[in-house]
Amino acid sequence: MQFPAFSFNNTPFYVEAGIGVSLIDETQFGGKNLNSHYQFEDRIGLVADLGDTHIALRIIHYSNAGFQKPNPGLDFMTLSVAKRF
């Protein structure tokens, strides 16, 4: 979901949030045993709409929600630039 947040120098910014299910190939990642191929993905982000270009900063968390032990989870911060053409 994406919601209008504010505008700065005529650039609209949006807050986005989402939750879903993810399937991963490997259960070992970065020295962590995720113990399951099925993970829940939570994300929150801030998106700048520059017309035909979007710039987004997101925090993404993966976890198996405690269905299997261990459940160390993984956290990522991503910066993306997308241009429509």
C-alpha atoms as a PDB file:
ATOM      1  CA  MET A   1       0.000   0.000   0.000  1.00  0.00           C
ATOM      2  CA  GLN A   2       1.212   3.502  -0.706  1.00  0.00           C
ATOM      3  CA  PHE A   3      -0.055   6.691   0.924  1.00  0.00           C
ATOM      4  CA  PRO A   4       0.714  10.360   0.180  1.00  0.00           C
ATOM      5  CA  ALA A   5       2.944  11.732   2.953  1.00  0.00           C
ATOM      6  CA  PHE A   6       4.125  15.248   2.079  1.00  0.00           C
ATOM      7  CA  SER A   7       5.514  17.404  -0.689  1.00  0.00           C
ATOM      8  CA  PHE A   8       8.938  19.102  -0.797  1.00  0.00           C
ATOM      9  CA  ASN A   9       9.941  21.517  -3.608  1.00  0.00           C
ATOM     10  CA  ASN A  10       6.907  20.343  -5.624  1.00  0.00           C
ATOM     11  CA  THR A  11       8.051  16.700  -5.283  1.00  0.00           C
ATOM     12  CA  PRO A  12       5.426  14.387  -3.777  1.00  0.00           C
ATOM     13  CA  PHE A  13       6.622  11.800  -1.260  1.00  0.00           C
ATOM     14  CA  TYR A  14       4.774   8.622  -0.369  1.00  0.00           C
ATOM     15  CA  VAL A  15       4.985   6.217   2.558  1.00  0.00           C
ATOM     16  CA  GLU A  16       4.566   2.586   1.592  1.00  0.00           C
ATOM     17  CA  ALA A  17       4.032  -0.501   3.709  1.00  0.00           C
ATOM     18  CA  GLY A  18       3.446  -4.133   2.908  1.00  0.00           C
ATOM     19  CA  ILE A  19       3.454  -7.652   4.249  1.00  0.00           C
ATOM     20  CA  GLY A  20       3.526 -10.904   2.331  1.00  0.00           C
ATOM     21  CA  VAL A  21       4.937 -14.400   1.956  1.00  0.00           C
ATOM     22  CA  SER A  22       8.283 -15.086   0.252  1.00  0.00           C
ATOM     23  CA  LEU A  23       9.924 -18.259  -1.003  1.00  0.00           C
ATOM     24  CA  ILE A  24      13.742 -18.338  -0.768  1.00  0.00           C
ATOM     25  CA  ASP A  25      16.096 -20.801  -2.459  1.00  0.00           C
ATOM     26  CA  GLU A  26      18.660 -21.147   0.325  1.00  0.00           C
ATOM     27  CA  THR A  27      18.048 -21.372   4.060  1.00  0.00           C
ATOM     28  CA  GLN A  28      21.614 -20.277   4.916  1.00  0.00           C
ATOM     29  CA  PHE A  29      22.264 -16.567   4.353  1.00  0.00           C
ATOM     30  CA  GLY A  30      24.995 -14.351   5.770  1.00  0.00           C
ATOM     31  CA  GLY A  31      25.992 -16.984   8.319  1.00  0.00           C
ATOM     32  CA  LYS A  32      22.403 -17.293   9.569  1.00  0.00           C
ATOM     33  CA  ASN A  33      20.259 -20.429   9.451  1.00  0.00           C
ATOM     34  CA  LEU A  34      16.787 -19.266   8.442  1.00  0.00           C
ATOM     35  CA  ASN A  35      15.550 -22.865   8.813  1.00  0.00           C
ATOM     36  CA  SER A  36      12.726 -22.515   6.288  1.00  0.00           C
ATOM     37  CA  HIS A  37      12.296 -21.762   2.598  1.00  0.00           C
ATOM     38  CA  TYR A  38       9.074 -19.918   3.435  1.00  0.00           C
ATOM     39  CA  GLN A  39       9.473 -16.495   5.009  1.00  0.00           C
ATOM     40  CA  PHE A  40       7.225 -13.554   5.779  1.00  0.00           C
ATOM     41  CA  GLU A  41       8.340 -10.237   4.316  1.00  0.00           C
ATOM     42  CA  ASP A  42       7.507  -6.924   5.987  1.00  0.00           C
ATOM     43  CA  ARG A  43       8.486  -3.648   4.378  1.00  0.00           C
ATOM     44  CA  ILE A  44       8.164   0.046   4.982  1.00  0.00           C
ATOM     45  CA  GLY A  45       9.550   2.778   2.778  1.00  0.00           C
ATOM     46  CA  LEU A  46       9.610   6.357   1.610  1.00  0.00           C
ATOM     47  CA  VAL A  47       9.232   7.050  -2.124  1.00  0.00           C
ATOM     48  CA  ALA A  48       9.950  10.316  -3.976  1.00  0.00           C
ATOM     49  CA  ASP A  49       7.962  10.759  -7.210  1.00  0.00           C
ATOM     50  CA  LEU A  50      10.047  12.784  -9.677  1.00  0.00           C
ATOM     51  CA  GLY A  51       7.654  12.283 -12.586  1.00  0.00           C
ATOM     52  CA  ASP A  52       9.144   9.547 -14.746  1.00  0.00           C
ATOM     53  CA  THR A  53      11.639   8.589 -11.996  1.00  0.00           C
ATOM     54  CA  HIS A  54      10.951   7.193  -8.521  1.00  0.00           C
ATOM     55  CA  ILE A  55      13.550   7.053  -5.762  1.00  0.00           C
ATOM     56  CA  ALA A  56      12.757   4.774  -2.816  1.00  0.00           C
ATOM     57  CA  LEU A  57      14.384   4.020   0.524  1.00  0.00           C
ATOM     58  CA  ARG A  58      12.989   0.847   2.101  1.00  0.00           C
ATOM     59  CA  ILE A  59      13.536  -1.307   5.169  1.00  0.00           C
ATOM     60  CA  ILE A  60      12.674  -4.977   4.577  1.00  0.00           C
ATOM     61  CA  HIS A  61      12.454  -7.702   7.228  1.00  0.00           C
ATOM     62  CA  TYR A  62      12.264 -11.463   6.586  1.00  0.00           C
ATOM     63  CA  SER A  63      11.171 -13.904   9.286  1.00  0.00           C
ATOM     64  CA  ASN A  64       9.526 -17.320   9.498  1.00  0.00           C
ATOM     65  CA  ALA A  65       7.281 -15.929  12.285  1.00  0.00           C
ATOM     66  CA  GLY A  66       8.533 -18.527  14.760  1.00  0.00           C
ATOM     67  CA  PHE A  67       7.015 -21.499  12.913  1.00  0.00           C
ATOM     68  CA  GLN A  68      10.445 -23.162  12.963  1.00  0.00           C
ATOM     69  CA  LYS A  69      13.448 -22.657  15.233  1.00  0.00           C
ATOM     70  CA  PRO A  70      15.830 -20.923  14.939  1.00  0.00           C
ATOM     71  CA  ASN A  71      14.184 -17.779  13.629  1.00  0.00           C
ATOM     72  CA  PRO A  72      16.970 -15.154  13.475  1.00  0.00           C
ATOM     73  CA  GLY A  73      15.301 -13.064  10.745  1.00  0.00           C
ATOM     74  CA  LEU A  74      17.038 -10.839   8.223  1.00  0.00           C
ATOM     75  CA  ASP A  75      16.890  -7.068   7.846  1.00  0.00           C
ATOM     76  CA  PHE A  76      17.809  -5.080   4.741  1.00  0.00           C
ATOM     77  CA  MET A  77      17.863  -1.409   3.858  1.00  0.00           C
ATOM     78  CA  THR A  78      17.538  -0.747   0.137  1.00  0.00           C
ATOM     79  CA  LEU A  79      17.826   2.308  -2.062  1.00  0.00           C
ATOM     80  CA  SER A  80      16.322   2.020  -5.534  1.00  0.00           C
ATOM     81  CA  VAL A  81      15.897   4.253  -8.557  1.00  0.00           C
ATOM     82  CA  ALA A  82      13.267   3.347 -11.152  1.00  0.00           C
ATOM     83  CA  LYS A  83      12.768   5.197 -14.420  1.00  0.00           C
ATOM     84  CA  ARG A  84       9.760   4.749 -16.704  1.00  0.00           C
ATOM     85  CA  PHE A  85      10.440   4.518 -20.422  1.00  0.00           C
END
